[in-house]
Amino acid sequence: MEKVKQFLEPNQEESELVSRLSIPSHRPGADSSFYEDFALKGIRVDRVEPGLIVCTFKVPPRLTDRNGRLASGAIANLVDEVGGAVVHTEGLPMNVSVDMSISFLSTANVNDELEITSRVLGRKGGYSGTSVLLRNKATGELIAEGRHSLFGKHASKL
């Protein structure tokens, strides 16, 4: 256990680097966070319709695993973010993820261009279901298919 503690303990140089980081505060749901900027930087929204969002995303090196492939965590994040965006209502807080199911069908490499399509499957009250597909834009190969359930405040009918 002591070896693990030593391994995880930052050294002096790492501590100094972290202490110099300047991360401005933000309003949750209103401003983007460091995490969102890091994970989604470079995504391009190509098409928006009620119940549909289509995006293009070029796989950056920062989101790859040691083999140079888009990391499964990055895929899960794209399903979460783009799946949440398709059900978001302007002026209301972002919905909260309730459940995600992702089938990882193939891999994507650094600089591969992906098409990400998110569709609303249905809504009932504040509960929404979405489907998110990630495809290699050049080959059409399906990289991952996600199902995403979210809950949030819904717009008043008054």
N, C-alpha and C. Protein backbone atom coordinates (compact mmCIF):
# COMPACT_ATOMS: atom_id res chain seq x y z
N MET A 1 0.82 -1.18 0.00
CA MET A 1 0.00 0.00 0.00
C MET A 1 0.87 1.26 0.00
N GLU A 2 2.00 1.19 0.69
CA GLU A 2 2.90 2.34 0.77
C GLU A 2 3.46 2.69 -0.60
N LYS A 3 3.77 1.68 -1.42
CA LYS A 3 4.28 1.94 -2.77
C LYS A 3 3.25 2.67 -3.62
N VAL A 4 2.00 2.29 -3.46
CA VAL A 4 0.92 2.95 -4.21
C VAL A 4 0.82 4.41 -3.79
N LYS A 5 0.87 4.67 -2.49
CA LYS A 5 0.82 6.05 -2.00
C LYS A 5 1.97 6.88 -2.56
N GLN A 6 3.17 6.31 -2.56
CA GLN A 6 4.33 7.03 -3.08
C GLN A 6 4.18 7.31 -4.58
N PHE A 7 3.66 6.33 -5.30
CA PHE A 7 3.47 6.50 -6.74
C PHE A 7 2.47 7.61 -7.05
N LEU A 8 1.40 7.68 -6.27
CA LEU A 8 0.34 8.66 -6.51
C LEU A 8 0.66 10.05 -5.96
N GLU A 9 1.58 10.14 -5.04
CA GLU A 9 1.95 11.42 -4.43
C GLU A 9 2.72 12.26 -5.46
N PRO A 10 2.25 13.49 -5.74
CA PRO A 10 2.98 14.33 -6.71
C PRO A 10 4.33 14.78 -6.15
N ASN A 11 5.32 14.91 -7.05
CA ASN A 11 6.61 15.42 -6.60
C ASN A 11 6.54 16.95 -6.57
N GLN A 12 7.62 17.59 -6.14
CA GLN A 12 7.64 19.04 -5.98
C GLN A 12 7.35 19.75 -7.30
N GLU A 13 7.95 19.30 -8.39
CA GLU A 13 7.75 19.94 -9.70
C GLU A 13 6.29 19.83 -10.13
N GLU A 14 5.69 18.67 -9.98
CA GLU A 14 4.29 18.48 -10.34
C GLU A 14 3.38 19.35 -9.49
N SER A 15 3.68 19.44 -8.20
CA SER A 15 2.88 20.29 -7.31
C SER A 15 2.93 21.74 -7.73
N GLU A 16 4.11 22.21 -8.10
CA GLU A 16 4.26 23.60 -8.53
C GLU A 16 3.50 23.86 -9.83
N LEU A 17 3.56 22.92 -10.77
CA LEU A 17 2.82 23.07 -12.03
C LEU A 17 1.32 23.18 -11.79
N VAL A 18 0.81 22.33 -10.92
CA VAL A 18 -0.62 22.34 -10.62
C VAL A 18 -1.00 23.64 -9.91
N SER A 19 -0.18 24.09 -9.00
CA SER A 19 -0.51 25.32 -8.25
C SER A 19 -0.52 26.55 -9.15
N ARG A 20 0.16 26.51 -10.29
CA ARG A 20 0.19 27.65 -11.20
C ARG A 20 -0.97 27.64 -12.20
N LEU A 21 -1.74 26.57 -12.22
CA LEU A 21 -2.87 26.51 -13.14
C LEU A 21 -3.89 27.59 -12.79
N SER A 22 -4.38 28.23 -13.80
CA SER A 22 -5.41 29.25 -13.60
C SER A 22 -6.68 28.76 -14.28
N ILE A 23 -7.63 28.34 -13.50
CA ILE A 23 -8.89 27.83 -14.03
C ILE A 23 -9.99 28.76 -13.53
N PRO A 24 -10.52 29.60 -14.42
CA PRO A 24 -11.55 30.54 -13.99
C PRO A 24 -12.84 29.83 -13.57
N SER A 25 -13.55 30.44 -12.64
CA SER A 25 -14.82 29.86 -12.22
C SER A 25 -15.84 30.01 -13.35
N HIS A 26 -16.83 29.18 -13.33
CA HIS A 26 -17.87 29.23 -14.35
C HIS A 26 -19.22 28.88 -13.73
N ARG A 27 -20.27 29.26 -14.45
CA ARG A 27 -21.63 28.93 -14.01
C ARG A 27 -22.01 27.60 -14.63
N PRO A 28 -22.22 26.56 -13.82
CA PRO A 28 -22.58 25.25 -14.37
C PRO A 28 -23.80 25.34 -15.28
N GLY A 29 -23.68 24.73 -16.45
CA GLY A 29 -24.78 24.72 -17.40
C GLY A 29 -24.84 25.97 -18.25
N ALA A 30 -24.13 27.04 -17.87
CA ALA A 30 -24.16 28.29 -18.64
C ALA A 30 -22.83 28.51 -19.36
N ASP A 31 -21.74 28.22 -18.70
CA ASP A 31 -20.41 28.37 -19.29
C ASP A 31 -19.80 26.99 -19.47
N SER A 32 -18.92 26.86 -20.47
CA SER A 32 -18.25 25.58 -20.63
C SER A 32 -17.16 25.44 -19.58
N SER A 33 -16.87 24.23 -19.21
CA SER A 33 -15.85 23.94 -18.20
C SER A 33 -14.55 23.54 -18.89
N PHE A 34 -13.49 23.46 -18.10
CA PHE A 34 -12.21 22.97 -18.63
C PHE A 34 -12.40 21.59 -19.25
N TYR A 35 -13.14 20.74 -18.57
CA TYR A 35 -13.39 19.38 -19.04
C TYR A 35 -14.06 19.39 -20.41
N GLU A 36 -15.11 20.18 -20.55
CA GLU A 36 -15.81 20.23 -21.84
C GLU A 36 -14.92 20.80 -22.93
N ASP A 37 -14.15 21.84 -22.60
CA ASP A 37 -13.23 22.41 -23.59
C ASP A 37 -12.20 21.38 -24.02
N PHE A 38 -11.67 20.63 -23.08
CA PHE A 38 -10.65 19.62 -23.37
C PHE A 38 -11.23 18.49 -24.23
N ALA A 39 -12.39 18.01 -23.85
CA ALA A 39 -12.97 16.84 -24.50
C ALA A 39 -13.63 17.15 -25.83
N LEU A 40 -14.17 18.36 -26.00
CA LEU A 40 -14.95 18.67 -27.19
C LEU A 40 -14.29 19.66 -28.14
N LYS A 41 -13.11 20.15 -27.79
CA LYS A 41 -12.44 21.12 -28.66
C LYS A 41 -12.28 20.52 -30.06
N GLY A 42 -12.72 21.26 -31.05
CA GLY A 42 -12.61 20.79 -32.43
C GLY A 42 -13.88 20.19 -33.00
N ILE A 43 -14.90 19.96 -32.18
CA ILE A 43 -16.14 19.41 -32.72
C ILE A 43 -16.85 20.49 -33.54
N ARG A 44 -17.43 20.09 -34.65
CA ARG A 44 -18.14 21.03 -35.52
C ARG A 44 -19.58 20.56 -35.68
N VAL A 45 -20.52 21.45 -35.41
CA VAL A 45 -21.94 21.12 -35.57
C VAL A 45 -22.30 21.40 -37.02
N ASP A 46 -22.73 20.37 -37.74
CA ASP A 46 -23.04 20.48 -39.16
C ASP A 46 -24.52 20.69 -39.44
N ARG A 47 -25.34 20.13 -38.58
CA ARG A 47 -26.79 20.19 -38.84
C ARG A 47 -27.55 20.09 -37.52
N VAL A 48 -28.57 20.93 -37.39
CA VAL A 48 -29.43 20.89 -36.20
C VAL A 48 -30.87 20.99 -36.66
N GLU A 49 -31.67 20.05 -36.23
CA GLU A 49 -33.12 20.05 -36.47
C GLU A 49 -33.77 19.60 -35.16
N PRO A 50 -35.05 19.84 -35.00
CA PRO A 50 -35.70 19.32 -33.77
C PRO A 50 -35.49 17.81 -33.68
N GLY A 51 -34.88 17.36 -32.60
CA GLY A 51 -34.65 15.94 -32.39
C GLY A 51 -33.46 15.36 -33.11
N LEU A 52 -32.62 16.20 -33.73
CA LEU A 52 -31.47 15.69 -34.49
C LEU A 52 -30.31 16.68 -34.42
N ILE A 53 -29.12 16.15 -34.17
CA ILE A 53 -27.88 16.92 -34.28
C ILE A 53 -26.87 16.04 -35.01
N VAL A 54 -26.19 16.62 -36.01
CA VAL A 54 -25.12 15.93 -36.72
C VAL A 54 -23.85 16.77 -36.58
N CYS A 55 -22.78 16.13 -36.12
CA CYS A 55 -21.51 16.81 -35.89
C CYS A 55 -20.38 16.08 -36.62
N THR A 56 -19.28 16.79 -36.82
CA THR A 56 -18.06 16.21 -37.34
C THR A 56 -16.98 16.43 -36.29
N PHE A 57 -16.14 15.41 -36.10
CA PHE A 57 -15.09 15.49 -35.09
C PHE A 57 -13.85 14.76 -35.60
N LYS A 58 -12.74 15.47 -35.68
CA LYS A 58 -11.46 14.87 -36.07
C LYS A 58 -10.76 14.39 -34.80
N VAL A 59 -10.41 13.12 -34.75
CA VAL A 59 -9.84 12.51 -33.55
C VAL A 59 -8.49 13.17 -33.23
N PRO A 60 -8.41 13.86 -32.08
CA PRO A 60 -7.15 14.51 -31.69
C PRO A 60 -6.26 13.56 -30.87
N PRO A 61 -4.96 13.77 -30.91
CA PRO A 61 -4.06 12.90 -30.12
C PRO A 61 -4.38 12.89 -28.62
N ARG A 62 -4.89 13.99 -28.07
CA ARG A 62 -5.14 14.06 -26.62
C ARG A 62 -6.22 13.10 -26.14
N LEU A 63 -7.04 12.57 -27.06
CA LEU A 63 -8.13 11.68 -26.66
C LEU A 63 -7.89 10.23 -27.09
N THR A 64 -6.62 9.89 -27.35
CA THR A 64 -6.33 8.53 -27.79
C THR A 64 -5.68 7.71 -26.68
N ASP A 65 -5.75 6.41 -26.85
CA ASP A 65 -5.09 5.51 -25.90
C ASP A 65 -3.64 5.31 -26.34
N ARG A 66 -2.94 4.41 -25.69
CA ARG A 66 -1.52 4.20 -26.01
C ARG A 66 -1.29 3.62 -27.40
N ASN A 67 -2.33 3.11 -28.04
CA ASN A 67 -2.21 2.56 -29.39
C ASN A 67 -2.58 3.58 -30.47
N GLY A 68 -2.90 4.81 -30.06
CA GLY A 68 -3.25 5.84 -31.03
C GLY A 68 -4.69 5.77 -31.50
N ARG A 69 -5.53 5.03 -30.78
CA ARG A 69 -6.95 4.91 -31.12
C ARG A 69 -7.79 5.75 -30.17
N LEU A 70 -8.92 6.24 -30.66
CA LEU A 70 -9.83 7.00 -29.82
C LEU A 70 -10.18 6.17 -28.59
N ALA A 71 -9.91 6.71 -27.42
CA ALA A 71 -10.12 5.98 -26.16
C ALA A 71 -11.61 5.73 -25.93
N SER A 72 -11.92 4.61 -25.29
CA SER A 72 -13.32 4.28 -25.03
C SER A 72 -13.97 5.33 -24.12
N GLY A 73 -13.21 5.90 -23.20
CA GLY A 73 -13.75 6.97 -22.35
C GLY A 73 -14.11 8.20 -23.15
N ALA A 74 -13.32 8.51 -24.19
CA ALA A 74 -13.62 9.65 -25.06
C ALA A 74 -14.89 9.38 -25.87
N ILE A 75 -15.07 8.14 -26.29
CA ILE A 75 -16.29 7.78 -27.01
C ILE A 75 -17.49 7.94 -26.08
N ALA A 76 -17.37 7.45 -24.85
CA ALA A 76 -18.46 7.58 -23.88
C ALA A 76 -18.78 9.06 -23.64
N ASN A 77 -17.76 9.89 -23.57
CA ASN A 77 -17.97 11.31 -23.37
C ASN A 77 -18.71 11.94 -24.55
N LEU A 78 -18.36 11.56 -25.77
CA LEU A 78 -19.06 12.09 -26.95
C LEU A 78 -20.52 11.66 -26.94
N VAL A 79 -20.79 10.42 -26.57
CA VAL A 79 -22.18 9.95 -26.47
C VAL A 79 -22.93 10.79 -25.42
N ASP A 80 -22.28 11.03 -24.30
CA ASP A 80 -22.90 11.80 -23.22
C ASP A 80 -23.17 13.24 -23.66
N GLU A 81 -22.17 13.92 -24.20
CA GLU A 81 -22.30 15.33 -24.54
C GLU A 81 -23.23 15.58 -25.72
N VAL A 82 -23.06 14.83 -26.80
CA VAL A 82 -23.90 15.06 -27.99
C VAL A 82 -25.30 14.50 -27.76
N GLY A 83 -25.41 13.40 -27.00
CA GLY A 83 -26.72 12.88 -26.63
C GLY A 83 -27.48 13.85 -25.73
N GLY A 84 -26.77 14.54 -24.86
CA GLY A 84 -27.40 15.54 -23.99
C GLY A 84 -27.77 16.80 -24.74
N ALA A 85 -26.96 17.16 -25.73
CA ALA A 85 -27.22 18.40 -26.49
C ALA A 85 -28.51 18.30 -27.30
N VAL A 86 -28.82 17.12 -27.81
CA VAL A 86 -29.99 16.99 -28.69
C VAL A 86 -31.31 17.16 -27.92
N VAL A 87 -31.30 16.96 -26.61
CA VAL A 87 -32.52 17.13 -25.83
C VAL A 87 -32.52 18.42 -25.01
N HIS A 88 -31.45 19.18 -25.10
CA HIS A 88 -31.34 20.42 -24.30
C HIS A 88 -32.34 21.47 -24.78
N THR A 89 -32.98 22.14 -23.83
CA THR A 89 -33.89 23.23 -24.12
C THR A 89 -33.24 24.53 -23.66
N GLU A 90 -33.10 25.47 -24.58
CA GLU A 90 -32.49 26.77 -24.25
C GLU A 90 -33.21 27.40 -23.07
N GLY A 91 -32.42 27.91 -22.14
CA GLY A 91 -32.99 28.58 -20.98
C GLY A 91 -33.22 27.67 -19.78
N LEU A 92 -33.10 26.37 -19.97
CA LEU A 92 -33.25 25.41 -18.87
C LEU A 92 -31.90 24.80 -18.55
N PRO A 93 -31.70 24.33 -17.32
CA PRO A 93 -30.43 23.67 -16.99
C PRO A 93 -30.24 22.42 -17.85
N MET A 94 -28.99 22.02 -18.02
CA MET A 94 -28.70 20.80 -18.77
C MET A 94 -29.33 19.60 -18.05
N ASN A 95 -29.74 18.62 -18.82
CA ASN A 95 -30.30 17.39 -18.25
C ASN A 95 -29.18 16.57 -17.61
N VAL A 96 -29.57 15.67 -16.73
CA VAL A 96 -28.62 14.81 -16.04
C VAL A 96 -28.72 13.41 -16.65
N SER A 97 -27.56 12.82 -16.93
CA SER A 97 -27.53 11.46 -17.47
C SER A 97 -28.03 10.48 -16.42
N VAL A 98 -28.93 9.61 -16.84
CA VAL A 98 -29.48 8.58 -15.97
C VAL A 98 -28.84 7.23 -16.29
N ASP A 99 -28.68 6.97 -17.58
CA ASP A 99 -28.16 5.68 -18.02
C ASP A 99 -27.54 5.83 -19.40
N MET A 100 -26.46 5.11 -19.64
CA MET A 100 -25.85 5.04 -20.97
C MET A 100 -25.47 3.60 -21.26
N SER A 101 -25.71 3.20 -22.48
CA SER A 101 -25.29 1.89 -22.95
C SER A 101 -24.57 2.11 -24.27
N ILE A 102 -23.34 1.62 -24.37
CA ILE A 102 -22.55 1.87 -25.57
C ILE A 102 -22.02 0.55 -26.12
N SER A 103 -22.24 0.33 -27.41
CA SER A 103 -21.64 -0.80 -28.11
C SER A 103 -20.44 -0.28 -28.88
N PHE A 104 -19.26 -0.78 -28.53
CA PHE A 104 -18.02 -0.38 -29.21
C PHE A 104 -17.80 -1.38 -30.34
N LEU A 105 -17.98 -0.92 -31.58
CA LEU A 105 -18.00 -1.83 -32.72
C LEU A 105 -16.72 -1.84 -33.53
N SER A 106 -15.99 -0.75 -33.51
CA SER A 106 -14.74 -0.65 -34.27
C SER A 106 -13.87 0.40 -33.60
N THR A 107 -12.76 0.75 -34.23
CA THR A 107 -11.86 1.74 -33.65
C THR A 107 -11.71 2.92 -34.61
N ALA A 108 -11.26 4.03 -34.04
CA ALA A 108 -10.94 5.23 -34.83
C ALA A 108 -9.53 5.65 -34.44
N ASN A 109 -8.74 6.04 -35.42
CA ASN A 109 -7.36 6.43 -35.19
C ASN A 109 -7.20 7.94 -35.16
N VAL A 110 -6.05 8.39 -34.70
CA VAL A 110 -5.73 9.81 -34.69
C VAL A 110 -5.96 10.38 -36.09
N ASN A 111 -6.59 11.53 -36.16
CA ASN A 111 -6.89 12.27 -37.39
C ASN A 111 -8.01 11.68 -38.23
N ASP A 112 -8.60 10.56 -37.82
CA ASP A 112 -9.81 10.08 -38.51
C ASP A 112 -10.91 11.11 -38.28
N GLU A 113 -11.70 11.35 -39.30
CA GLU A 113 -12.83 12.27 -39.16
C GLU A 113 -14.08 11.45 -38.90
N LEU A 114 -14.77 11.78 -37.82
CA LEU A 114 -15.97 11.05 -37.43
C LEU A 114 -17.21 11.89 -37.68
N GLU A 115 -18.29 11.21 -38.03
CA GLU A 115 -19.60 11.84 -38.07
C GLU A 115 -20.37 11.33 -36.87
N ILE A 116 -20.87 12.25 -36.07
CA ILE A 116 -21.61 11.89 -34.85
C ILE A 116 -23.05 12.34 -35.05
N THR A 117 -23.97 11.40 -35.03
CA THR A 117 -25.39 11.69 -35.22
C THR A 117 -26.15 11.33 -33.96
N SER A 118 -26.87 12.32 -33.44
CA SER A 118 -27.66 12.11 -32.22
C SER A 118 -29.13 12.37 -32.54
N ARG A 119 -29.99 11.43 -32.16
CA ARG A 119 -31.44 11.56 -32.38
C ARG A 119 -32.19 11.34 -31.07
N VAL A 120 -33.27 12.07 -30.93
CA VAL A 120 -34.16 11.86 -29.79
C VAL A 120 -35.03 10.65 -30.11
N LEU A 121 -35.05 9.68 -29.22
CA LEU A 121 -35.90 8.50 -29.40
C LEU A 121 -37.28 8.72 -28.82
N GLY A 122 -37.35 9.53 -27.76
CA GLY A 122 -38.64 9.81 -27.15
C GLY A 122 -38.48 10.64 -25.90
N ARG A 123 -39.63 11.19 -25.46
CA ARG A 123 -39.67 12.00 -24.23
C ARG A 123 -40.96 11.68 -23.49
N LYS A 124 -40.85 11.69 -22.19
CA LYS A 124 -42.03 11.55 -21.34
C LYS A 124 -41.76 12.36 -20.09
N GLY A 125 -42.47 13.48 -19.97
CA GLY A 125 -42.20 14.40 -18.86
C GLY A 125 -40.78 14.92 -18.96
N GLY A 126 -40.01 14.76 -17.91
CA GLY A 126 -38.63 15.22 -17.91
C GLY A 126 -37.64 14.16 -18.34
N TYR A 127 -38.13 12.98 -18.72
CA TYR A 127 -37.26 11.86 -19.10
C TYR A 127 -37.13 11.80 -20.62
N SER A 128 -35.89 11.70 -21.12
CA SER A 128 -35.65 11.63 -22.57
C SER A 128 -34.72 10.48 -22.88
N GLY A 129 -34.89 9.92 -24.06
CA GLY A 129 -33.98 8.88 -24.56
C GLY A 129 -33.40 9.31 -25.88
N THR A 130 -32.09 9.07 -26.06
CA THR A 130 -31.43 9.43 -27.31
C THR A 130 -30.62 8.25 -27.84
N SER A 131 -30.32 8.33 -29.12
CA SER A 131 -29.43 7.38 -29.78
C SER A 131 -28.30 8.19 -30.40
N VAL A 132 -27.06 7.74 -30.21
CA VAL A 132 -25.90 8.44 -30.75
C VAL A 132 -25.06 7.44 -31.54
N LEU A 133 -24.80 7.77 -32.81
CA LEU A 133 -23.97 6.93 -33.67
C LEU A 133 -22.68 7.67 -34.00
N LEU A 134 -21.54 6.99 -33.88
CA LEU A 134 -20.26 7.52 -34.30
C LEU A 134 -19.78 6.70 -35.48
N ARG A 135 -19.57 7.36 -36.62
CA ARG A 135 -19.12 6.70 -37.85
C ARG A 135 -17.83 7.31 -38.35
N ASN A 136 -17.00 6.49 -38.97
CA ASN A 136 -15.85 7.01 -39.69
C ASN A 136 -16.40 7.66 -40.95
N LYS A 137 -16.14 8.95 -41.11
CA LYS A 137 -16.73 9.70 -42.22
C LYS A 137 -16.22 9.22 -43.58
N ALA A 138 -14.97 8.80 -43.65
CA ALA A 138 -14.39 8.36 -44.92
C ALA A 138 -14.89 6.99 -45.35
N THR A 139 -14.99 6.05 -44.40
CA THR A 139 -15.34 4.67 -44.75
C THR A 139 -16.80 4.33 -44.48
N GLY A 140 -17.47 5.12 -43.64
CA GLY A 140 -18.85 4.82 -43.26
C GLY A 140 -18.95 3.77 -42.18
N GLU A 141 -17.79 3.24 -41.73
CA GLU A 141 -17.78 2.20 -40.71
C GLU A 141 -18.31 2.73 -39.38
N LEU A 142 -19.18 1.96 -38.75
CA LEU A 142 -19.76 2.34 -37.46
C LEU A 142 -18.74 2.05 -36.36
N ILE A 143 -18.35 3.09 -35.64
CA ILE A 143 -17.37 2.97 -34.56
C ILE A 143 -18.06 2.59 -33.25
N ALA A 144 -19.16 3.28 -32.95
CA ALA A 144 -19.88 3.00 -31.69
C ALA A 144 -21.34 3.41 -31.84
N GLU A 145 -22.18 2.74 -31.08
CA GLU A 145 -23.60 3.07 -31.01
C GLU A 145 -23.96 3.22 -29.54
N GLY A 146 -24.50 4.38 -29.18
CA GLY A 146 -24.85 4.63 -27.79
C GLY A 146 -26.33 4.90 -27.61
N ARG A 147 -26.85 4.45 -26.49
CA ARG A 147 -28.21 4.80 -26.04
C ARG A 147 -28.03 5.59 -24.76
N HIS A 148 -28.73 6.71 -24.67
CA HIS A 148 -28.49 7.62 -23.57
C HIS A 148 -29.83 8.07 -23.00
N SER A 149 -30.03 7.88 -21.72
CA SER A 149 -31.25 8.33 -21.04
C SER A 149 -30.89 9.51 -20.15
N LEU A 150 -31.75 10.53 -20.16
CA LEU A 150 -31.49 11.74 -19.38
C LEU A 150 -32.76 12.20 -18.68
N PHE A 151 -32.55 12.95 -17.59
CA PHE A 151 -33.69 13.52 -16.88
C PHE A 151 -33.40 14.98 -16.61
N GLY A 152 -34.42 15.80 -16.75
CA GLY A 152 -34.26 17.22 -16.46
C GLY A 152 -35.61 17.91 -16.37
N LYS A 153 -35.56 19.15 -15.98
CA LYS A 153 -36.78 19.95 -15.93
C LYS A 153 -37.29 20.12 -17.35
N HIS A 154 -38.58 19.98 -17.53
CA HIS A 154 -39.13 20.22 -18.85
C HIS A 154 -39.86 21.56 -18.85
N ALA A 155 -40.00 22.11 -20.04
CA ALA A 155 -40.63 23.42 -20.18
C ALA A 155 -42.07 23.38 -19.71
N SER A 156 -42.49 24.40 -19.01
CA SER A 156 -43.85 24.48 -18.52
C SER A 156 -44.80 24.71 -19.69
N LYS A 157 -46.00 24.16 -19.60
CA LYS A 157 -47.01 24.36 -20.64
C LYS A 157 -47.84 25.60 -20.39
N LEU A 158 -47.57 26.30 -19.30
CA LEU A 158 -48.32 27.52 -18.97
C LEU A 158 -47.76 28.71 -19.69
